[in-house]
Amino acid sequence: MEQEELLKKLGQILKKLKIPYIITGGIAVVVWGRPRFTADIDVVIELKKEKLDKLAEELLKIDKEVYVDKLSMQRALEQKGEFNFIHPASGLKIDFWIFKNDAFDVLRLKRGIKKKIGNTYVFLSSPEDLILAKLLWYKISESTRQLEDIESVLKIQKKLDMEYIKKWAKIHSTLKILEKLLEEVS
C-alpha cells in the first residue's frame, strides 16, 4: 500500500463517519513547504466517544494485517492524547491526535483547507496553523526538523496571514523563535 492510497482511505473513513479532521505534520509540509520524506500521516481528529468503536472497525477493514488498539484509542480520547494505526506490510503509520478543544485547536480545525493530494481530497492544516503547531513542537522537543519545516513554509508561501501567526505565537510563547526564523528567511 502506498501512502497516497492510505491517505485516501483515511479521508473516506473520516468523511463517512462525519469525524472532523485536519492532516498536519510532514504531509502538510510537503504541500505548503518543501518536499521531504515522511513515514507517517499526522491527523488531528475531533473524535467523540460514540464514534470510537466504529472508527476502530473501519480502520481494521483497511487491510488484512493492520494494527490499531481500541484500549489505546480510549486512553487517547480520555487524555486528549494520541493513538496509532500501523500497516506493517508497508511500514506506514497514522498518528491520530485527539482534538483538545482549546481555542487553538478549535480554530485550526475550522480553518482546515480542502486540498487535492494525488487523486483524493483531504482537509489540510492551513499553512499558518502548521507553522504555529510546528513552533509548539519545537518548544517541546527542540527538534531542528520543526524549524526546517517552518522555514520552508515561510519561504514558499508568500501570502501568509502574519498578523494571525504572530498573535498566536505570542499566546503560545513562541514569538521570539518565530521572529528569529522570519529574520533568517528574509
N, C-alpha and C. Protein backbone atom coordinates (compact mmCIF):
# COMPACT_ATOMS: atom_id res chain seq x y z
N MET A 1 0.85 -1.18 0.00
CA MET A 1 0.00 0.00 0.00
C MET A 1 0.89 1.24 0.00
N GLU A 2 0.54 2.20 -0.83
CA GLU A 2 1.27 3.47 -0.89
C GLU A 2 0.65 4.47 0.07
N GLN A 3 1.44 5.48 0.45
CA GLN A 3 0.96 6.49 1.38
C GLN A 3 -0.28 7.21 0.85
N GLU A 4 -0.28 7.52 -0.44
CA GLU A 4 -1.42 8.23 -1.04
C GLU A 4 -2.71 7.40 -0.93
N GLU A 5 -2.59 6.09 -1.12
CA GLU A 5 -3.75 5.20 -1.02
C GLU A 5 -4.28 5.17 0.42
N LEU A 6 -3.35 5.12 1.39
CA LEU A 6 -3.76 5.13 2.80
C LEU A 6 -4.42 6.46 3.16
N LEU A 7 -3.86 7.55 2.65
CA LEU A 7 -4.43 8.88 2.90
C LEU A 7 -5.85 8.96 2.34
N LYS A 8 -6.04 8.41 1.15
CA LYS A 8 -7.37 8.39 0.52
C LYS A 8 -8.36 7.60 1.39
N LYS A 9 -7.95 6.42 1.83
CA LYS A 9 -8.82 5.58 2.66
C LYS A 9 -9.15 6.28 3.98
N LEU A 10 -8.15 6.94 4.56
CA LEU A 10 -8.36 7.68 5.81
C LEU A 10 -9.40 8.78 5.60
N GLY A 11 -9.24 9.57 4.53
CA GLY A 11 -10.20 10.63 4.23
C GLY A 11 -11.61 10.10 4.03
N GLN A 12 -11.72 8.97 3.34
CA GLN A 12 -13.04 8.36 3.10
C GLN A 12 -13.69 7.90 4.40
N ILE A 13 -12.89 7.28 5.28
CA ILE A 13 -13.42 6.80 6.56
C ILE A 13 -13.90 7.97 7.42
N LEU A 14 -13.08 9.00 7.53
CA LEU A 14 -13.45 10.14 8.38
C LEU A 14 -14.66 10.88 7.82
N LYS A 15 -14.76 10.95 6.50
CA LYS A 15 -15.93 11.57 5.87
C LYS A 15 -17.18 10.73 6.15
N LYS A 16 -17.07 9.43 5.95
CA LYS A 16 -18.20 8.51 6.17
C LYS A 16 -18.71 8.60 7.61
N LEU A 17 -17.78 8.68 8.57
CA LEU A 17 -18.16 8.72 9.99
C LEU A 17 -18.46 10.14 10.49
N LYS A 18 -18.30 11.11 9.58
CA LYS A 18 -18.53 12.53 9.93
C LYS A 18 -17.67 12.96 11.12
N ILE A 19 -16.38 12.61 11.04
CA ILE A 19 -15.41 13.00 12.07
C ILE A 19 -14.58 14.15 11.52
N PRO A 20 -14.71 15.36 12.08
CA PRO A 20 -13.90 16.48 11.62
C PRO A 20 -12.40 16.20 11.84
N TYR A 21 -11.58 16.64 10.88
CA TYR A 21 -10.14 16.36 10.96
C TYR A 21 -9.34 17.36 10.14
N ILE A 22 -8.04 17.38 10.42
CA ILE A 22 -7.08 18.05 9.54
C ILE A 22 -5.82 17.20 9.49
N ILE A 23 -5.24 17.11 8.30
CA ILE A 23 -3.95 16.46 8.12
C ILE A 23 -2.90 17.52 8.41
N THR A 24 -1.91 17.17 9.21
CA THR A 24 -0.87 18.12 9.59
C THR A 24 0.49 17.42 9.43
N GLY A 25 1.52 17.90 10.10
CA GLY A 25 2.82 17.23 10.07
C GLY A 25 3.48 17.25 8.70
N GLY A 26 4.24 16.18 8.43
CA GLY A 26 5.05 16.10 7.22
C GLY A 26 4.27 16.19 5.92
N ILE A 27 3.08 15.59 5.89
CA ILE A 27 2.25 15.66 4.67
C ILE A 27 1.90 17.12 4.36
N ALA A 28 1.51 17.87 5.39
CA ALA A 28 1.17 19.29 5.19
C ALA A 28 2.41 20.09 4.79
N VAL A 29 3.57 19.73 5.35
CA VAL A 29 4.81 20.43 4.97
C VAL A 29 5.10 20.22 3.49
N VAL A 30 4.89 19.00 3.00
CA VAL A 30 5.12 18.71 1.58
C VAL A 30 4.22 19.57 0.70
N VAL A 31 2.99 19.81 1.14
CA VAL A 31 2.04 20.63 0.36
C VAL A 31 2.37 22.12 0.46
N TRP A 32 2.64 22.62 1.67
CA TRP A 32 2.83 24.07 1.88
C TRP A 32 4.29 24.51 1.84
N GLY A 33 5.20 23.56 1.97
CA GLY A 33 6.62 23.91 2.02
C GLY A 33 7.43 23.09 1.04
N ARG A 34 8.51 22.52 1.54
CA ARG A 34 9.43 21.77 0.68
C ARG A 34 9.09 20.28 0.69
N PRO A 35 9.43 19.61 -0.41
CA PRO A 35 9.27 18.16 -0.41
C PRO A 35 10.23 17.54 0.60
N ARG A 36 9.75 16.60 1.37
CA ARG A 36 10.61 15.87 2.29
C ARG A 36 9.97 14.53 2.58
N PHE A 37 10.80 13.60 3.04
CA PHE A 37 10.30 12.27 3.37
C PHE A 37 9.50 12.32 4.67
N THR A 38 8.39 11.62 4.69
CA THR A 38 7.64 11.43 5.93
C THR A 38 7.09 10.02 5.92
N ALA A 39 7.33 9.30 7.00
CA ALA A 39 6.92 7.90 7.08
C ALA A 39 5.52 7.75 7.66
N ASP A 40 4.95 8.85 8.14
CA ASP A 40 3.65 8.73 8.78
C ASP A 40 2.70 9.83 8.31
N ILE A 41 1.45 9.64 8.67
CA ILE A 41 0.41 10.63 8.41
C ILE A 41 -0.05 11.13 9.77
N ASP A 42 0.07 12.42 10.00
CA ASP A 42 -0.40 13.02 11.26
C ASP A 42 -1.76 13.64 11.02
N VAL A 43 -2.72 13.28 11.86
CA VAL A 43 -4.07 13.81 11.69
C VAL A 43 -4.64 14.19 13.06
N VAL A 44 -5.20 15.40 13.12
CA VAL A 44 -5.91 15.84 14.33
C VAL A 44 -7.38 15.54 14.07
N ILE A 45 -8.01 14.80 14.99
CA ILE A 45 -9.42 14.43 14.81
C ILE A 45 -10.25 14.86 16.01
N GLU A 46 -11.48 15.23 15.71
CA GLU A 46 -12.45 15.54 16.77
C GLU A 46 -13.30 14.29 16.97
N LEU A 47 -12.76 13.37 17.76
CA LEU A 47 -13.41 12.07 17.96
C LEU A 47 -14.30 12.10 19.19
N LYS A 48 -15.54 11.69 18.99
CA LYS A 48 -16.49 11.56 20.10
C LYS A 48 -16.54 10.10 20.53
N LYS A 49 -16.80 9.89 21.82
CA LYS A 49 -16.82 8.54 22.39
C LYS A 49 -17.71 7.58 21.60
N GLU A 50 -18.87 8.07 21.16
CA GLU A 50 -19.82 7.20 20.46
C GLU A 50 -19.34 6.77 19.07
N LYS A 51 -18.28 7.39 18.55
CA LYS A 51 -17.77 7.01 17.23
C LYS A 51 -16.48 6.19 17.31
N LEU A 52 -15.97 5.98 18.51
CA LEU A 52 -14.70 5.29 18.69
C LEU A 52 -14.74 3.86 18.13
N ASP A 53 -15.75 3.08 18.50
CA ASP A 53 -15.85 1.69 18.04
C ASP A 53 -15.97 1.61 16.52
N LYS A 54 -16.76 2.49 15.95
CA LYS A 54 -16.96 2.49 14.50
C LYS A 54 -15.66 2.86 13.78
N LEU A 55 -14.90 3.82 14.33
CA LEU A 55 -13.62 4.20 13.72
C LEU A 55 -12.66 3.01 13.77
N ALA A 56 -12.57 2.35 14.92
CA ALA A 56 -11.69 1.17 15.05
C ALA A 56 -12.09 0.11 14.02
N GLU A 57 -13.37 -0.14 13.90
CA GLU A 57 -13.89 -1.13 12.96
C GLU A 57 -13.50 -0.79 11.52
N GLU A 58 -13.67 0.48 11.14
CA GLU A 58 -13.34 0.92 9.78
C GLU A 58 -11.84 0.84 9.51
N LEU A 59 -11.02 1.20 10.49
CA LEU A 59 -9.57 1.14 10.33
C LEU A 59 -9.11 -0.31 10.14
N LEU A 60 -9.73 -1.22 10.87
CA LEU A 60 -9.37 -2.64 10.76
C LEU A 60 -9.75 -3.23 9.40
N LYS A 61 -10.67 -2.60 8.69
CA LYS A 61 -11.09 -3.06 7.36
C LYS A 61 -10.12 -2.63 6.26
N ILE A 62 -9.20 -1.74 6.57
CA ILE A 62 -8.30 -1.21 5.54
C ILE A 62 -7.49 -2.32 4.87
N ASP A 63 -7.04 -3.27 5.65
CA ASP A 63 -6.26 -4.38 5.10
C ASP A 63 -6.32 -5.55 6.08
N LYS A 64 -5.85 -6.71 5.62
CA LYS A 64 -5.90 -7.91 6.47
C LYS A 64 -5.09 -7.76 7.74
N GLU A 65 -3.86 -7.30 7.60
CA GLU A 65 -2.98 -7.20 8.76
C GLU A 65 -2.67 -5.75 9.07
N VAL A 66 -3.43 -5.19 9.96
CA VAL A 66 -3.18 -3.82 10.43
C VAL A 66 -3.22 -3.83 11.95
N TYR A 67 -2.65 -2.78 12.53
CA TYR A 67 -2.65 -2.68 13.99
C TYR A 67 -3.37 -1.42 14.40
N VAL A 68 -4.35 -1.58 15.23
CA VAL A 68 -4.99 -0.45 15.92
C VAL A 68 -5.55 -1.03 17.22
N ASP A 69 -5.25 -0.38 18.31
CA ASP A 69 -5.62 -0.89 19.63
C ASP A 69 -6.74 -0.04 20.23
N LYS A 70 -7.90 -0.68 20.45
CA LYS A 70 -9.06 0.05 20.98
C LYS A 70 -8.80 0.65 22.36
N LEU A 71 -8.05 -0.05 23.19
CA LEU A 71 -7.72 0.47 24.52
C LEU A 71 -6.88 1.75 24.40
N SER A 72 -5.92 1.74 23.48
CA SER A 72 -5.10 2.94 23.23
C SER A 72 -5.97 4.08 22.72
N MET A 73 -6.95 3.75 21.89
CA MET A 73 -7.87 4.76 21.37
C MET A 73 -8.68 5.37 22.51
N GLN A 74 -9.17 4.52 23.41
CA GLN A 74 -9.96 5.01 24.55
C GLN A 74 -9.12 5.89 25.46
N ARG A 75 -7.88 5.44 25.74
CA ARG A 75 -6.98 6.25 26.58
C ARG A 75 -6.69 7.60 25.93
N ALA A 76 -6.41 7.57 24.65
CA ALA A 76 -6.12 8.82 23.92
C ALA A 76 -7.31 9.76 24.00
N LEU A 77 -8.50 9.22 23.86
CA LEU A 77 -9.71 10.04 23.92
C LEU A 77 -9.88 10.65 25.31
N GLU A 78 -9.68 9.87 26.35
CA GLU A 78 -9.81 10.36 27.73
C GLU A 78 -8.75 11.40 28.07
N GLN A 79 -7.51 11.18 27.60
CA GLN A 79 -6.40 12.06 27.97
C GLN A 79 -6.09 13.13 26.93
N LYS A 80 -6.91 13.19 25.88
CA LYS A 80 -6.66 14.12 24.76
C LYS A 80 -5.24 13.92 24.23
N GLY A 81 -4.90 12.66 24.03
CA GLY A 81 -3.56 12.30 23.57
C GLY A 81 -3.55 11.79 22.15
N GLU A 82 -2.82 10.69 21.94
CA GLU A 82 -2.58 10.19 20.60
C GLU A 82 -2.68 8.66 20.58
N PHE A 83 -3.13 8.13 19.44
CA PHE A 83 -3.07 6.68 19.21
C PHE A 83 -2.61 6.45 17.78
N ASN A 84 -2.19 5.21 17.49
CA ASN A 84 -1.62 4.90 16.18
C ASN A 84 -2.39 3.84 15.43
N PHE A 85 -2.29 3.93 14.13
CA PHE A 85 -2.72 2.89 13.20
C PHE A 85 -1.46 2.50 12.45
N ILE A 86 -1.18 1.20 12.36
CA ILE A 86 0.03 0.75 11.66
C ILE A 86 -0.34 -0.28 10.61
N HIS A 87 0.25 -0.10 9.43
CA HIS A 87 0.10 -1.05 8.33
C HIS A 87 1.46 -1.72 8.16
N PRO A 88 1.69 -2.86 8.85
CA PRO A 88 3.01 -3.48 8.88
C PRO A 88 3.60 -3.83 7.51
N ALA A 89 2.79 -4.28 6.58
CA ALA A 89 3.30 -4.69 5.27
C ALA A 89 4.01 -3.55 4.54
N SER A 90 3.52 -2.33 4.70
CA SER A 90 4.12 -1.18 4.01
C SER A 90 4.99 -0.35 4.94
N GLY A 91 4.83 -0.54 6.26
CA GLY A 91 5.55 0.29 7.22
C GLY A 91 4.89 1.64 7.45
N LEU A 92 3.71 1.84 6.86
CA LEU A 92 3.02 3.12 7.00
C LEU A 92 2.32 3.20 8.35
N LYS A 93 2.24 4.44 8.84
CA LYS A 93 1.64 4.66 10.16
C LYS A 93 0.80 5.94 10.11
N ILE A 94 -0.31 5.92 10.83
CA ILE A 94 -1.10 7.13 11.02
C ILE A 94 -1.06 7.45 12.51
N ASP A 95 -0.66 8.67 12.83
CA ASP A 95 -0.72 9.16 14.21
C ASP A 95 -1.98 9.99 14.34
N PHE A 96 -2.92 9.52 15.13
CA PHE A 96 -4.17 10.23 15.38
C PHE A 96 -4.01 11.06 16.65
N TRP A 97 -4.12 12.37 16.53
CA TRP A 97 -4.03 13.29 17.67
C TRP A 97 -5.44 13.74 18.00
N ILE A 98 -5.84 13.55 19.23
CA ILE A 98 -7.19 13.90 19.64
C ILE A 98 -7.30 15.42 19.84
N PHE A 99 -8.32 15.98 19.22
CA PHE A 99 -8.68 17.39 19.33
C PHE A 99 -8.79 17.76 20.81
N LYS A 100 -8.10 18.84 21.21
CA LYS A 100 -8.05 19.22 22.62
C LYS A 100 -9.18 20.16 23.04
N ASN A 101 -9.90 20.70 22.10
CA ASN A 101 -10.99 21.63 22.38
C ASN A 101 -10.50 22.91 23.06
N ASP A 102 -9.22 23.27 22.86
CA ASP A 102 -8.75 24.58 23.31
C ASP A 102 -8.95 25.56 22.15
N ALA A 103 -8.74 26.83 22.41
CA ALA A 103 -9.02 27.86 21.39
C ALA A 103 -8.25 27.63 20.09
N PHE A 104 -6.98 27.22 20.20
CA PHE A 104 -6.16 26.99 19.01
C PHE A 104 -6.68 25.80 18.20
N ASP A 105 -6.96 24.68 18.86
CA ASP A 105 -7.46 23.51 18.13
C ASP A 105 -8.81 23.79 17.47
N VAL A 106 -9.67 24.53 18.17
CA VAL A 106 -10.98 24.88 17.59
C VAL A 106 -10.76 25.66 16.30
N LEU A 107 -9.88 26.66 16.35
CA LEU A 107 -9.62 27.48 15.17
C LEU A 107 -8.97 26.69 14.05
N ARG A 108 -7.94 25.90 14.38
CA ARG A 108 -7.24 25.22 13.29
C ARG A 108 -8.09 24.15 12.62
N LEU A 109 -9.02 23.57 13.36
CA LEU A 109 -9.94 22.61 12.74
C LEU A 109 -10.90 23.35 11.79
N LYS A 110 -11.39 24.51 12.23
CA LYS A 110 -12.30 25.32 11.40
C LYS A 110 -11.59 25.85 10.15
N ARG A 111 -10.29 26.13 10.29
CA ARG A 111 -9.52 26.73 9.21
C ARG A 111 -8.92 25.70 8.25
N GLY A 112 -9.24 24.42 8.46
CA GLY A 112 -8.72 23.38 7.56
C GLY A 112 -9.07 23.70 6.11
N ILE A 113 -8.16 23.36 5.21
CA ILE A 113 -8.32 23.68 3.79
C ILE A 113 -8.45 22.38 2.99
N LYS A 114 -9.52 22.29 2.21
CA LYS A 114 -9.71 21.11 1.36
C LYS A 114 -8.70 21.18 0.21
N LYS A 115 -7.89 20.15 0.10
CA LYS A 115 -6.79 20.17 -0.86
C LYS A 115 -6.69 18.81 -1.55
N LYS A 116 -6.37 18.85 -2.83
CA LYS A 116 -6.21 17.60 -3.58
C LYS A 116 -4.77 17.12 -3.45
N ILE A 117 -4.63 15.89 -2.99
CA ILE A 117 -3.32 15.25 -2.91
C ILE A 117 -3.42 13.99 -3.77
N GLY A 118 -2.66 13.97 -4.86
CA GLY A 118 -2.80 12.87 -5.81
C GLY A 118 -4.17 12.95 -6.43
N ASN A 119 -4.97 11.90 -6.24
CA ASN A 119 -6.32 11.92 -6.82
C ASN A 119 -7.41 11.94 -5.74
N THR A 120 -7.05 12.43 -4.56
CA THR A 120 -8.03 12.47 -3.47
C THR A 120 -8.02 13.82 -2.77
N TYR A 121 -9.17 14.22 -2.26
CA TYR A 121 -9.28 15.46 -1.49
C TYR A 121 -9.27 15.14 -0.01
N VAL A 122 -8.49 15.91 0.74
CA VAL A 122 -8.46 15.79 2.20
C VAL A 122 -8.42 17.20 2.79
N PHE A 123 -8.71 17.30 4.08
CA PHE A 123 -8.61 18.59 4.76
C PHE A 123 -7.23 18.70 5.40
N LEU A 124 -6.52 19.75 5.00
CA LEU A 124 -5.16 20.01 5.49
C LEU A 124 -5.16 21.16 6.47
N SER A 125 -4.23 21.13 7.38
CA SER A 125 -3.99 22.27 8.24
C SER A 125 -3.63 23.45 7.34
N SER A 126 -4.10 24.64 7.68
CA SER A 126 -3.70 25.83 6.92
C SER A 126 -2.19 26.02 7.11
N PRO A 127 -1.51 26.70 6.19
CA PRO A 127 -0.07 26.90 6.37
C PRO A 127 0.25 27.68 7.65
N GLU A 128 -0.61 28.63 8.01
CA GLU A 128 -0.40 29.41 9.24
C GLU A 128 -0.48 28.52 10.47
N ASP A 129 -1.50 27.66 10.51
CA ASP A 129 -1.67 26.78 11.67
C ASP A 129 -0.59 25.71 11.72
N LEU A 130 -0.11 25.30 10.56
CA LEU A 130 1.00 24.35 10.51
C LEU A 130 2.25 24.99 11.14
N ILE A 131 2.52 26.23 10.78
CA ILE A 131 3.66 26.95 11.36
C ILE A 131 3.52 27.03 12.88
N LEU A 132 2.33 27.39 13.34
CA LEU A 132 2.10 27.52 14.79
C LEU A 132 2.25 26.19 15.51
N ALA A 133 1.73 25.12 14.92
CA ALA A 133 1.86 23.79 15.53
C ALA A 133 3.33 23.36 15.57
N LYS A 134 4.06 23.64 14.50
CA LYS A 134 5.49 23.30 14.46
C LYS A 134 6.28 24.11 15.48
N LEU A 135 5.90 25.37 15.70
CA LEU A 135 6.55 26.18 16.74
C LEU A 135 6.32 25.55 18.12
N LEU A 136 5.11 25.09 18.37
CA LEU A 136 4.81 24.43 19.65
C LEU A 136 5.62 23.15 19.80
N TRP A 137 5.74 22.37 18.73
CA TRP A 137 6.53 21.14 18.79
C TRP A 137 8.01 21.46 19.04
N TYR A 138 8.50 22.53 18.41
CA TYR A 138 9.89 22.91 18.64
C TYR A 138 10.10 23.31 20.09
N LYS A 139 9.16 24.03 20.64
CA LYS A 139 9.23 24.47 22.04
C LYS A 139 9.36 23.26 22.98
N ILE A 140 8.66 22.18 22.66
CA ILE A 140 8.69 20.97 23.48
C ILE A 140 9.94 20.13 23.21
N SER A 141 10.27 19.96 21.94
CA SER A 141 11.30 18.97 21.56
C SER A 141 12.66 19.56 21.16
N GLU A 142 12.67 20.82 20.77
CA GLU A 142 13.86 21.48 20.22
C GLU A 142 14.42 20.74 19.01
N SER A 143 13.55 20.06 18.29
CA SER A 143 13.94 19.33 17.08
C SER A 143 14.15 20.32 15.94
N THR A 144 15.33 20.28 15.34
CA THR A 144 15.62 21.20 14.24
C THR A 144 14.74 20.92 13.01
N ARG A 145 14.22 19.71 12.89
CA ARG A 145 13.32 19.40 11.78
C ARG A 145 12.12 20.35 11.81
N GLN A 146 11.61 20.68 13.01
CA GLN A 146 10.47 21.60 13.12
C GLN A 146 10.84 22.96 12.52
N LEU A 147 12.04 23.44 12.86
CA LEU A 147 12.49 24.75 12.34
C LEU A 147 12.66 24.71 10.82
N GLU A 148 13.24 23.62 10.32
CA GLU A 148 13.41 23.47 8.87
C GLU A 148 12.06 23.47 8.15
N ASP A 149 11.09 22.78 8.74
CA ASP A 149 9.74 22.74 8.16
C ASP A 149 9.12 24.14 8.14
N ILE A 150 9.24 24.86 9.26
CA ILE A 150 8.68 26.21 9.35
C ILE A 150 9.33 27.12 8.31
N GLU A 151 10.67 27.07 8.23
CA GLU A 151 11.40 27.90 7.27
C GLU A 151 10.92 27.63 5.84
N SER A 152 10.72 26.36 5.51
CA SER A 152 10.30 26.04 4.14
C SER A 152 8.92 26.61 3.83
N VAL A 153 8.01 26.56 4.79
CA VAL A 153 6.66 27.12 4.58
C VAL A 153 6.75 28.64 4.47
N LEU A 154 7.55 29.26 5.32
CA LEU A 154 7.71 30.72 5.28
C LEU A 154 8.30 31.18 3.94
N LYS A 155 9.23 30.41 3.39
CA LYS A 155 9.87 30.77 2.13
C LYS A 155 8.94 30.59 0.93
N ILE A 156 8.14 29.54 0.96
CA ILE A 156 7.33 29.19 -0.21
C ILE A 156 5.97 29.87 -0.22
N GLN A 157 5.34 29.99 0.93
CA GLN A 157 4.01 30.61 1.00
C GLN A 157 4.15 32.13 1.14
N LYS A 158 3.81 32.84 0.10
CA LYS A 158 4.03 34.29 0.07
C LYS A 158 2.86 35.10 0.64
N LYS A 159 1.70 34.48 0.82
CA LYS A 159 0.53 35.24 1.28
C LYS A 159 0.04 34.73 2.63
N LEU A 160 0.95 34.58 3.56
CA LEU A 160 0.59 34.13 4.90
C LEU A 160 -0.05 35.26 5.70
N ASP A 161 -0.96 34.92 6.57
CA ASP A 161 -1.58 35.88 7.48
C ASP A 161 -0.65 36.04 8.68
N MET A 162 0.33 36.94 8.53
CA MET A 162 1.36 37.10 9.56
C MET A 162 0.79 37.69 10.85
N GLU A 163 -0.26 38.47 10.74
CA GLU A 163 -0.90 39.02 11.95
C GLU A 163 -1.45 37.87 12.81
N TYR A 164 -2.13 36.95 12.16
CA TYR A 164 -2.68 35.77 12.84
C TYR A 164 -1.55 34.93 13.46
N ILE A 165 -0.50 34.67 12.67
CA ILE A 165 0.61 33.85 13.16
C ILE A 165 1.28 34.50 14.36
N LYS A 166 1.55 35.80 14.27
CA LYS A 166 2.23 36.50 15.38
C LYS A 166 1.35 36.54 16.63
N LYS A 167 0.06 36.75 16.43
CA LYS A 167 -0.87 36.77 17.57
C LYS A 167 -0.81 35.45 18.34
N TRP A 168 -0.92 34.33 17.62
CA TRP A 168 -0.91 33.02 18.27
C TRP A 168 0.47 32.63 18.77
N ALA A 169 1.51 33.05 18.07
CA ALA A 169 2.88 32.77 18.55
C ALA A 169 3.10 33.47 19.88
N LYS A 170 2.55 34.67 20.01
CA LYS A 170 2.66 35.39 21.29
C LYS A 170 1.90 34.64 22.39
N ILE A 171 0.68 34.20 22.09
CA ILE A 171 -0.13 33.44 23.05
C ILE A 171 0.60 32.16 23.48
N HIS A 172 1.25 31.50 22.51
CA HIS A 172 1.95 30.23 22.78
C HIS A 172 3.37 30.43 23.31
N SER A 173 3.77 31.68 23.49
CA SER A 173 5.14 32.00 23.94
C SER A 173 6.20 31.45 22.98
N THR A 174 5.94 31.56 21.69
CA THR A 174 6.90 31.13 20.67
C THR A 174 7.26 32.27 19.72
N LEU A 175 6.88 33.49 20.08
CA LEU A 175 7.09 34.64 19.19
C LEU A 175 8.57 34.90 18.92
N LYS A 176 9.43 34.77 19.92
CA LYS A 176 10.87 35.00 19.72
C LYS A 176 11.45 34.01 18.70
N ILE A 177 11.04 32.77 18.79
CA ILE A 177 11.50 31.75 17.83
C ILE A 177 11.03 32.13 16.42
N LEU A 178 9.77 32.52 16.30
CA LEU A 178 9.20 32.92 15.02
C LEU A 178 9.96 34.12 14.45
N GLU A 179 10.20 35.13 15.28
CA GLU A 179 10.90 36.33 14.81
C GLU A 179 12.30 36.00 14.29
N LYS A 180 12.98 35.10 14.97
CA LYS A 180 14.32 34.68 14.53
C LYS A 180 14.24 33.99 13.17
N LEU A 181 13.25 33.14 13.00
CA LEU A 181 13.07 32.45 11.71
C LEU A 181 12.71 33.42 10.60
N LEU A 182 11.86 34.39 10.91
CA LEU A 182 11.48 35.39 9.91
C LEU A 182 12.69 36.20 9.46
N GLU A 183 13.56 36.50 10.41
CA GLU A 183 14.79 37.23 10.11
C GLU A 183 15.67 36.40 9.17
N GLU A 184 15.77 35.11 9.44
CA GLU A 184 16.62 34.22 8.64
C GLU A 184 16.10 34.04 7.21
N VAL A 185 14.79 34.04 7.03
CA VAL A 185 14.26 33.80 5.68
C VAL A 185 14.11 35.07 4.85
N SER A 186 14.25 36.24 5.49
CA SER A 186 14.07 37.49 4.72
C SER A 186 15.34 37.91 4.02
